[in-house]
C-alpha atoms as a PDB file:
ATOM      1  CA  MET A   1      20.001 -58.430  32.418  1.00  0.00           C
ATOM      2  CA  PHE A   2      18.680 -55.802  29.994  1.00  0.00           C
ATOM      3  CA  ARG A   3      17.713 -53.246  32.651  1.00  0.00           C
ATOM      4  CA  PRO A   4      19.885 -50.128  32.733  1.00  0.00           C
ATOM      5  CA  LYS A   5      21.862 -49.485  35.860  1.00  0.00           C
ATOM      6  CA  LEU A   6      21.196 -46.085  37.367  1.00  0.00           C
ATOM      7  CA  PRO A   7      24.071 -44.255  39.015  1.00  0.00           C
ATOM      8  CA  ASP A   8      24.070 -43.881  42.754  1.00  0.00           C
ATOM      9  CA  VAL A   9      22.550 -40.665  44.078  1.00  0.00           C
ATOM     10  CA  PRO A  10      25.345 -38.515  45.462  1.00  0.00           C
ATOM     11  CA  THR A  11      24.899 -37.380  49.013  1.00  0.00           C
ATOM     12  CA  PRO A  12      25.037 -33.644  49.651  1.00  0.00           C
ATOM     13  CA  PRO A  13      28.008 -32.358  51.626  1.00  0.00           C
ATOM     14  CA  THR A  14      27.446 -32.119  55.341  1.00  0.00           C
ATOM     15  CA  THR A  15      29.396 -28.927  55.824  1.00  0.00           C
ATOM     16  CA  THR A  16      27.469 -25.685  55.665  1.00  0.00           C
ATOM     17  CA  VAL A  17      28.776 -22.911  53.510  1.00  0.00           C
ATOM     18  CA  THR A  18      27.983 -19.353  54.517  1.00  0.00           C
ATOM     19  CA  HIS A  19      27.864 -16.761  51.800  1.00  0.00           C
ATOM     20  CA  GLN A  20      28.778 -13.224  52.543  1.00  0.00           C
ATOM     21  CA  GLN A  21      26.163 -10.876  51.194  1.00  0.00           C
ATOM     22  CA  THR A  22      27.215  -7.501  49.988  1.00  0.00           C
ATOM     23  CA  GLN A  23      24.803  -4.647  49.868  1.00  0.00           C
ATOM     24  CA  ALA A  24      24.360  -2.834  46.582  1.00  0.00           C
ATOM     25  CA  PRO A  25      25.601   0.738  46.553  1.00  0.00           C
ATOM     26  CA  ALA A  26      22.944   3.344  47.202  1.00  0.00           C
ATOM     27  CA  PRO A  27      21.870   5.350  44.159  1.00  0.00           C
ATOM     28  CA  SER A  28      23.353   8.783  43.884  1.00  0.00           C
ATOM     29  CA  PRO A  29      20.994  11.703  44.539  1.00  0.00           C
ATOM     30  CA  GLY A  30      21.753  13.085  41.054  1.00  0.00           C
ATOM     31  CA  ARG A  31      19.487  12.807  38.050  1.00  0.00           C
ATOM     32  CA  PRO A  32      17.427   9.613  37.930  1.00  0.00           C
ATOM     33  CA  VAL A  33      17.783   7.572  34.750  1.00  0.00           C
ATOM     34  CA  ALA A  34      14.586   5.514  35.014  1.00  0.00           C
ATOM     35  CA  PRO A  35      12.064   8.273  34.154  1.00  0.00           C
ATOM     36  CA  TYR A  36      13.933   9.094  30.946  1.00  0.00           C
ATOM     37  CA  VAL A  37      13.959   5.446  29.931  1.00  0.00           C
ATOM     38  CA  GLY A  38      10.248   5.140  30.736  1.00  0.00           C
ATOM     39  CA  VAL A  39       9.391   8.201  28.681  1.00  0.00           C
ATOM     40  CA  GLY A  40      11.339   6.847  25.705  1.00  0.00           C
ATOM     41  CA  VAL A  41       9.593   3.484  25.837  1.00  0.00           C
ATOM     42  CA  GLY A  42       6.208   5.126  26.263  1.00  0.00           C
ATOM     43  CA  ALA A  43       6.846   7.464  23.365  1.00  0.00           C
ATOM     44  CA  VAL A  44       7.879   4.616  21.098  1.00  0.00           C
ATOM     45  CA  ALA A  45       4.797   2.617  22.098  1.00  0.00           C
ATOM     46  CA  ALA A  46       2.552   5.632  21.454  1.00  0.00           C
ATOM     47  CA  VAL A  47       4.076   6.192  18.011  1.00  0.00           C
ATOM     48  CA  VAL A  48       3.590   2.524  17.117  1.00  0.00           C
ATOM     49  CA  VAL A  49      -0.044   2.554  18.272  1.00  0.00           C
ATOM     50  CA  VAL A  50      -0.843   5.819  16.476  1.00  0.00           C
ATOM     51  CA  GLY A  51       0.867   4.572  13.327  1.00  0.00           C
ATOM     52  CA  THR A  52      -1.124   1.351  13.411  1.00  0.00           C
ATOM     53  CA  VAL A  53      -4.415   3.194  13.894  1.00  0.00           C
ATOM     54  CA  LEU A  54      -3.668   5.672  11.101  1.00  0.00           C
ATOM     55  CA  THR A  55      -2.677   2.864   8.754  1.00  0.00           C
ATOM     56  CA  ALA A  56      -5.924   1.026   9.503  1.00  0.00           C
ATOM     57  CA  LEU A  57      -7.935   4.191   8.900  1.00  0.00           C
ATOM     58  CA  LEU A  58      -6.141   4.822   5.612  1.00  0.00           C
ATOM     59  CA  ALA A  59      -6.866   1.257   4.498  1.00  0.00           C
ATOM     60  CA  ALA A  60     -10.547   1.660   5.453  1.00  0.00           C
ATOM     61  CA  VAL A  61     -10.816   4.906   3.468  1.00  0.00           C
ATOM     62  CA  ALA A  62      -9.149   3.289   0.458  1.00  0.00           C
ATOM     63  CA  VAL A  63     -11.499   0.286   0.518  1.00  0.00           C
ATOM     64  CA  SER A  64     -14.505   2.585   0.883  1.00  0.00           C
ATOM     65  CA  ALA A  65     -13.356   4.737  -2.040  1.00  0.00           C
ATOM     66  CA  ILE A  66     -12.870   1.698  -4.252  1.00  0.00           C
ATOM     67  CA  SER A  67     -16.303   0.324  -3.399  1.00  0.00           C
ATOM     68  CA  VAL A  68     -17.950   3.700  -4.081  1.00  0.00           C
ATOM     69  CA  ALA A  69     -16.128   3.933  -7.411  1.00  0.00           C
ATOM     70  CA  VAL A  70     -17.267   0.438  -8.422  1.00  0.00           C
ATOM     71  CA  ALA A  71     -20.849   1.251  -7.412  1.00  0.00           C
ATOM     72  CA  ALA A  72     -20.706   4.485  -9.453  1.00  0.00           C
ATOM     73  CA  VAL A  73     -19.484   2.637 -12.537  1.00  0.00           C
ATOM     74  CA  VAL A  74     -22.226   0.008 -12.195  1.00  0.00           C
ATOM     75  CA  LEU A  75     -24.936   2.663 -11.723  1.00  0.00           C
ATOM     76  CA  ARG A  76     -23.603   4.631 -14.708  1.00  0.00           C
ATOM     77  CA  LEU A  77     -23.748   1.524 -16.886  1.00  0.00           C
ATOM     78  CA  LEU A  78     -27.305   0.791 -15.728  1.00  0.00           C
ATOM     79  CA  VAL A  79     -28.460   4.357 -16.385  1.00  0.00           C
ATOM     80  CA  ASN A  80     -26.863   4.409 -19.859  1.00  0.00           C
ATOM     81  CA  ASP A  81     -28.468   1.049 -20.656  1.00  0.00           C
ATOM     82  CA  ALA A  82     -31.875   2.330 -19.568  1.00  0.00           C
ATOM     83  CA  ASN A  83     -31.542   5.502 -21.710  1.00  0.00           C
ATOM     84  CA  LYS A  84     -30.620   3.518 -24.846  1.00  0.00           C
ATOM     85  CA  ARG A  85     -33.745   1.347 -24.701  1.00  0.00           C
END
């Protein structure tokens, strides 16, 4: 009573349909487009990778410089404290 009724499964048509396949036109022997596209994509990828590496190196140099500066300030304070005593 409360069970849903499922629709009947339709039967596939018995007639066979043949599709006519058309062959793609042959590429012209002129200039190929694919190598130029590949070079552009490769160049963009290389620029992105080099930019990422240079940014990481710049960040590493900045962090190192800050840590050296902090260490220099701490050592300077320690030396001045030792000289005053």
